[in-house]
Amino acid sequence: MTQAGRSSGYPLVRALNELGLWCKAVGRYAEGRRHYRRARRLLERLSPSDTESLATVYHNLAGVEHATGRYAAGEVLARKGLAIRLAGPRPSARMLAADLIALAAILEGRNRWDEAEALYLRGLHLLERLSLRQPAEEAVAWGGLGILAFRRGRPGEALQLLARAVRLKRRALGPTHPDLGLALHNLAAAYRMVGREAAARAARDRAVAILEARLGMKHPWTRASRNLLEPWQCPAQNPDPPV
């Protein structure tokens, strides 16, 4: 999910969104939630007509709930943000696609696979139709589709999609972002499902190195990656990257 309300003219709102971005990136979710909620209150009081910024704050709040596994709460926030954006005079097509993809990831977490798949594809189609190259949003969509393929017992398809998500996340976020670590974790699970143990271990080791360095030894993502190859685990729910 996009994590910075750059469309707002209020410096404090922008600063709060940037703080929320940083907190989410390092796993300090409660702090990030507080910053985003404060930004929302400011916008609702000072500039309720700034629908783009307000929709983005709701999007960001939904991203925190998604990252912490609170999918029902995340769905409510994501749908409200999408509705606010669509009600605006000139909704950003890029952010609309990001909203659709983010909502898809939340619905995937709620095991509503068909709805999630349809929204992932709608978001990708919108980006493609408008020739908008957004590797962060595309990575979320392709990674989500890869996890769906994995869970539906199509490991070969999952492997291709998850590898594509890793490439896009590396391009969008750099080589040490925690979201890249989780994407590598998911790729390792897919490699193992098709019997490519050496590739699985290499991807898992890269994931652990990133997650330990950025999130620490005790973070749930780090622990999941360290234990990935013993016993076998399903890919983790894909979080939304900032752009």
Protein backbone atom coordinates (compact mmCIF):
# COMPACT_ATOMS: atom_id res chain seq x y z
CA MET A 1 0.00 0.00 0.00
CA THR A 2 1.06 3.54 -0.60
CA GLN A 3 2.21 4.98 2.67
CA ALA A 4 2.73 8.73 2.17
CA GLY A 5 0.02 11.36 1.82
CA ARG A 6 2.02 13.62 -0.45
CA SER A 7 -1.10 15.12 -2.01
CA SER A 8 -1.93 17.04 1.18
CA GLY A 9 -0.93 20.66 1.52
CA TYR A 10 -0.54 20.33 5.29
CA PRO A 11 3.09 19.77 6.36
CA LEU A 12 2.04 18.08 9.60
CA VAL A 13 -0.14 15.58 7.73
CA ARG A 14 2.74 14.81 5.40
CA ALA A 15 5.10 14.40 8.36
CA LEU A 16 2.69 12.08 10.17
CA ASN A 17 2.33 9.93 7.07
CA GLU A 18 6.10 9.73 6.69
CA LEU A 19 6.39 8.70 10.33
CA GLY A 20 3.72 6.07 9.75
CA LEU A 21 5.67 4.80 6.76
CA TRP A 22 8.83 4.44 8.78
CA CYS A 23 7.07 2.78 11.71
CA LYS A 24 5.38 0.22 9.46
CA ALA A 25 8.65 -0.54 7.65
CA VAL A 26 10.40 -1.41 10.92
CA GLY A 27 7.45 -3.27 12.46
CA ARG A 28 6.36 -0.59 14.95
CA TYR A 29 2.73 -0.95 13.98
CA ALA A 30 1.03 0.60 17.01
CA GLU A 31 3.04 3.79 16.57
CA GLY A 32 2.31 3.85 12.86
CA ARG A 33 -1.41 3.45 13.56
CA ARG A 34 -1.33 6.39 15.98
CA HIS A 35 0.40 8.65 13.44
CA TYR A 36 -2.07 7.77 10.70
CA ARG A 37 -5.06 8.27 12.99
CA ARG A 38 -3.76 11.70 13.95
CA ALA A 39 -3.31 12.58 10.27
CA ARG A 40 -6.89 11.44 9.60
CA ARG A 41 -8.29 13.61 12.41
CA LEU A 42 -6.40 16.64 11.10
CA LEU A 43 -7.65 16.16 7.56
CA GLU A 44 -11.23 15.55 8.63
CA ARG A 45 -11.17 18.75 10.69
CA LEU A 46 -9.12 21.05 8.45
CA SER A 47 -9.63 19.83 4.90
CA PRO A 48 -12.43 17.26 4.48
CA SER A 49 -12.68 18.16 0.79
CA ASP A 50 -9.12 16.87 0.18
CA THR A 51 -10.45 13.45 -0.77
CA GLU A 52 -7.17 12.19 -2.23
CA SER A 53 -5.21 12.75 0.98
CA LEU A 54 -8.01 11.49 3.21
CA ALA A 55 -8.45 8.35 1.10
CA THR A 56 -4.70 7.74 1.28
CA VAL A 57 -4.72 7.98 5.08
CA TYR A 58 -7.50 5.37 5.21
CA HIS A 59 -5.48 3.25 2.78
CA ASN A 60 -2.45 3.56 5.08
CA LEU A 61 -4.45 2.65 8.18
CA ALA A 62 -5.80 -0.41 6.39
CA GLY A 63 -2.21 -1.36 5.58
CA VAL A 64 -1.28 -1.40 9.26
CA GLU A 65 -4.27 -3.61 10.09
CA HIS A 66 -3.33 -5.90 7.21
CA ALA A 67 0.27 -6.17 8.38
CA THR A 68 -0.89 -7.11 11.89
CA GLY A 69 -3.42 -9.70 10.69
CA ARG A 70 -6.49 -7.64 11.63
CA TYR A 71 -8.12 -8.29 8.29
CA ALA A 72 -11.73 -7.48 9.20
CA ALA A 73 -10.76 -4.04 10.51
CA GLY A 74 -8.50 -3.57 7.50
CA GLU A 75 -11.31 -4.35 5.09
CA VAL A 76 -13.57 -1.69 6.65
CA LEU A 77 -10.83 0.94 6.37
CA ALA A 78 -9.79 -0.07 2.86
CA ARG A 79 -13.36 0.05 1.56
CA LYS A 80 -13.95 3.45 3.15
CA GLY A 81 -10.77 4.82 1.62
CA LEU A 82 -11.75 3.48 -1.80
CA ALA A 83 -15.22 5.05 -1.50
CA ILE A 84 -13.75 8.42 -0.50
CA ARG A 85 -11.34 8.36 -3.44
CA LEU A 86 -14.07 7.49 -5.92
CA ALA A 87 -16.23 10.33 -4.57
CA GLY A 88 -13.53 12.89 -5.32
CA PRO A 89 -13.58 15.14 -8.38
CA ARG A 90 -10.45 13.73 -10.03
CA PRO A 91 -9.39 10.47 -8.36
CA SER A 92 -5.81 9.41 -8.99
CA ALA A 93 -5.79 6.38 -11.28
CA ARG A 94 -2.53 5.18 -9.77
CA MET A 95 -3.90 5.35 -6.25
CA LEU A 96 -7.19 3.78 -7.33
CA ALA A 97 -5.24 0.80 -8.64
CA ALA A 98 -3.29 0.69 -5.37
CA ASP A 99 -6.57 0.73 -3.42
CA LEU A 100 -7.94 -2.20 -5.41
CA ILE A 101 -4.77 -4.23 -4.96
CA ALA A 102 -4.59 -3.43 -1.25
CA LEU A 103 -8.19 -4.49 -0.69
CA ALA A 104 -7.44 -7.70 -2.60
CA ALA A 105 -4.58 -8.50 -0.23
CA ILE A 106 -6.86 -8.02 2.77
CA LEU A 107 -9.57 -10.23 1.26
CA GLU A 108 -6.93 -12.87 0.56
CA GLY A 109 -6.10 -12.77 4.26
CA ARG A 110 -9.79 -13.43 4.95
CA ASN A 111 -9.67 -16.48 2.63
CA ARG A 112 -11.99 -14.86 0.08
CA TRP A 113 -9.81 -16.02 -2.76
CA ASP A 114 -12.07 -15.42 -5.73
CA GLU A 115 -12.82 -11.84 -4.70
CA ALA A 116 -9.14 -11.21 -4.04
CA GLU A 117 -8.08 -12.59 -7.41
CA ALA A 118 -10.63 -10.44 -9.24
CA LEU A 119 -9.42 -7.28 -7.50
CA TYR A 120 -5.74 -8.06 -8.10
CA LEU A 121 -6.48 -8.45 -11.79
CA ARG A 122 -8.60 -5.28 -11.89
CA GLY A 123 -5.77 -3.29 -10.35
CA LEU A 124 -3.19 -4.70 -12.75
CA HIS A 125 -5.50 -4.11 -15.71
CA LEU A 126 -5.97 -0.47 -14.70
CA LEU A 127 -2.23 0.10 -14.46
CA GLU A 128 -1.67 -1.61 -17.81
CA ARG A 129 -4.50 0.23 -19.56
CA LEU A 130 -3.16 3.61 -18.46
CA SER A 131 0.49 2.61 -19.05
CA LEU A 132 1.33 3.32 -15.41
CA ARG A 133 4.48 1.52 -14.33
CA GLN A 134 4.19 1.05 -10.58
CA PRO A 135 6.48 -1.82 -9.56
CA ALA A 136 5.54 -1.66 -5.86
CA GLU A 137 1.82 -2.08 -6.49
CA GLU A 138 2.46 -4.62 -9.24
CA ALA A 139 4.64 -6.62 -6.86
CA VAL A 140 1.82 -6.84 -4.33
CA ALA A 141 -0.61 -8.02 -7.01
CA TRP A 142 1.68 -10.62 -8.59
CA GLY A 143 2.81 -11.85 -5.19
CA GLY A 144 -0.79 -12.16 -4.04
CA LEU A 145 -1.73 -14.08 -7.18
CA GLY A 146 1.28 -16.31 -6.56
CA ILE A 147 0.13 -17.10 -3.03
CA LEU A 148 -3.36 -17.89 -4.33
CA ALA A 149 -1.84 -20.27 -6.91
CA PHE A 150 0.24 -21.90 -4.15
CA ARG A 151 -2.80 -22.42 -1.94
CA ARG A 152 -4.78 -23.82 -4.84
CA GLY A 153 -2.11 -26.47 -5.43
CA ARG A 154 -0.49 -24.95 -8.55
CA PRO A 155 3.16 -24.72 -7.43
CA GLY A 156 4.67 -24.18 -10.88
CA GLU A 157 2.46 -21.15 -11.52
CA ALA A 158 3.06 -19.91 -7.98
CA LEU A 159 6.81 -20.09 -8.47
CA GLN A 160 6.71 -17.92 -11.59
CA LEU A 161 4.44 -15.32 -10.02
CA LEU A 162 6.35 -15.13 -6.73
CA ALA A 163 9.68 -14.80 -8.55
CA ARG A 164 8.20 -11.92 -10.53
CA ALA A 165 7.07 -10.27 -7.28
CA VAL A 166 10.59 -10.58 -5.85
CA ARG A 167 12.10 -8.86 -8.91
CA LEU A 168 9.57 -6.03 -8.74
CA LYS A 169 9.98 -5.53 -4.99
CA ARG A 170 13.76 -5.38 -5.32
CA ARG A 171 13.38 -2.75 -8.05
CA ALA A 172 10.82 -0.70 -6.09
CA LEU A 173 12.14 -1.01 -2.55
CA GLY A 174 15.83 -1.87 -2.79
CA PRO A 175 17.76 -4.95 -1.66
CA THR A 176 17.24 -4.68 2.11
CA HIS A 177 13.56 -3.78 2.60
CA PRO A 178 11.60 -6.11 4.94
CA ASP A 179 8.87 -6.58 2.31
CA LEU A 180 11.51 -8.01 -0.02
CA GLY A 181 12.49 -10.38 2.79
CA LEU A 182 8.93 -11.66 3.06
CA ALA A 183 8.69 -12.01 -0.72
CA LEU A 184 11.84 -14.16 -0.63
CA HIS A 185 10.31 -16.20 2.21
CA ASN A 186 7.29 -16.93 0.01
CA LEU A 187 9.50 -17.77 -2.95
CA ALA A 188 11.46 -20.21 -0.77
CA ALA A 189 8.21 -21.97 0.18
CA ALA A 190 7.27 -22.32 -3.50
CA TYR A 191 10.73 -23.67 -4.39
CA ARG A 192 10.39 -26.29 -1.70
CA MET A 193 6.93 -27.31 -2.90
CA VAL A 194 8.40 -28.20 -6.32
CA GLY A 195 11.35 -30.03 -4.75
CA ARG A 196 14.07 -27.44 -5.42
CA GLU A 197 15.61 -27.62 -1.97
CA ALA A 198 18.86 -25.79 -2.75
CA ALA A 199 17.00 -22.85 -4.28
CA ALA A 200 14.57 -22.87 -1.36
CA ARG A 201 17.37 -22.68 1.17
CA ALA A 202 19.16 -19.91 -0.73
CA ALA A 203 16.00 -17.78 -0.90
CA ARG A 204 15.20 -18.50 2.75
CA ASP A 205 18.72 -17.52 3.86
CA ARG A 206 18.48 -14.21 1.95
CA ALA A 207 15.09 -13.57 3.55
CA VAL A 208 16.40 -14.25 7.06
CA ALA A 209 19.43 -11.98 6.53
CA ILE A 210 17.19 -9.08 5.47
CA LEU A 211 14.58 -9.59 8.18
CA GLU A 212 17.07 -10.05 11.00
CA ALA A 213 18.93 -6.89 9.98
CA ARG A 214 15.82 -4.73 9.57
CA LEU A 215 13.28 -6.16 12.02
CA GLY A 216 15.36 -8.08 14.56
CA MET A 217 15.49 -11.68 15.71
CA LYS A 218 12.16 -11.63 17.57
CA HIS A 219 9.91 -10.24 14.85
CA PRO A 220 7.23 -12.72 13.67
CA TRP A 221 8.40 -12.50 10.04
CA THR A 222 12.00 -13.28 11.07
CA ARG A 223 10.95 -16.25 13.18
CA ALA A 224 8.72 -17.58 10.38
CA SER A 225 11.56 -17.40 7.88
CA ARG A 226 14.08 -19.03 10.20
CA ASN A 227 11.67 -21.96 10.68
CA LEU A 228 10.48 -22.12 7.08
CA LEU A 229 12.26 -25.27 5.96
CA GLU A 230 11.57 -27.26 9.12
CA PRO A 231 8.75 -27.98 9.19
CA TRP A 232 7.29 -27.04 5.81
CA GLN A 233 5.09 -23.93 5.86
CA CYS A 234 2.72 -22.15 3.50
CA PRO A 235 3.71 -18.72 2.16
CA ALA A 236 3.00 -15.84 4.49
CA GLN A 237 0.35 -13.27 3.83
CA ASN A 238 1.86 -10.64 1.58
CA PRO A 239 2.11 -7.17 3.15
CA ASP A 240 1.73 -4.04 1.11
CA PRO A 241 4.89 -2.15 0.26
CA PRO A 242 5.27 1.60 0.50
CA VAL A 243 5.94 3.64 -2.63
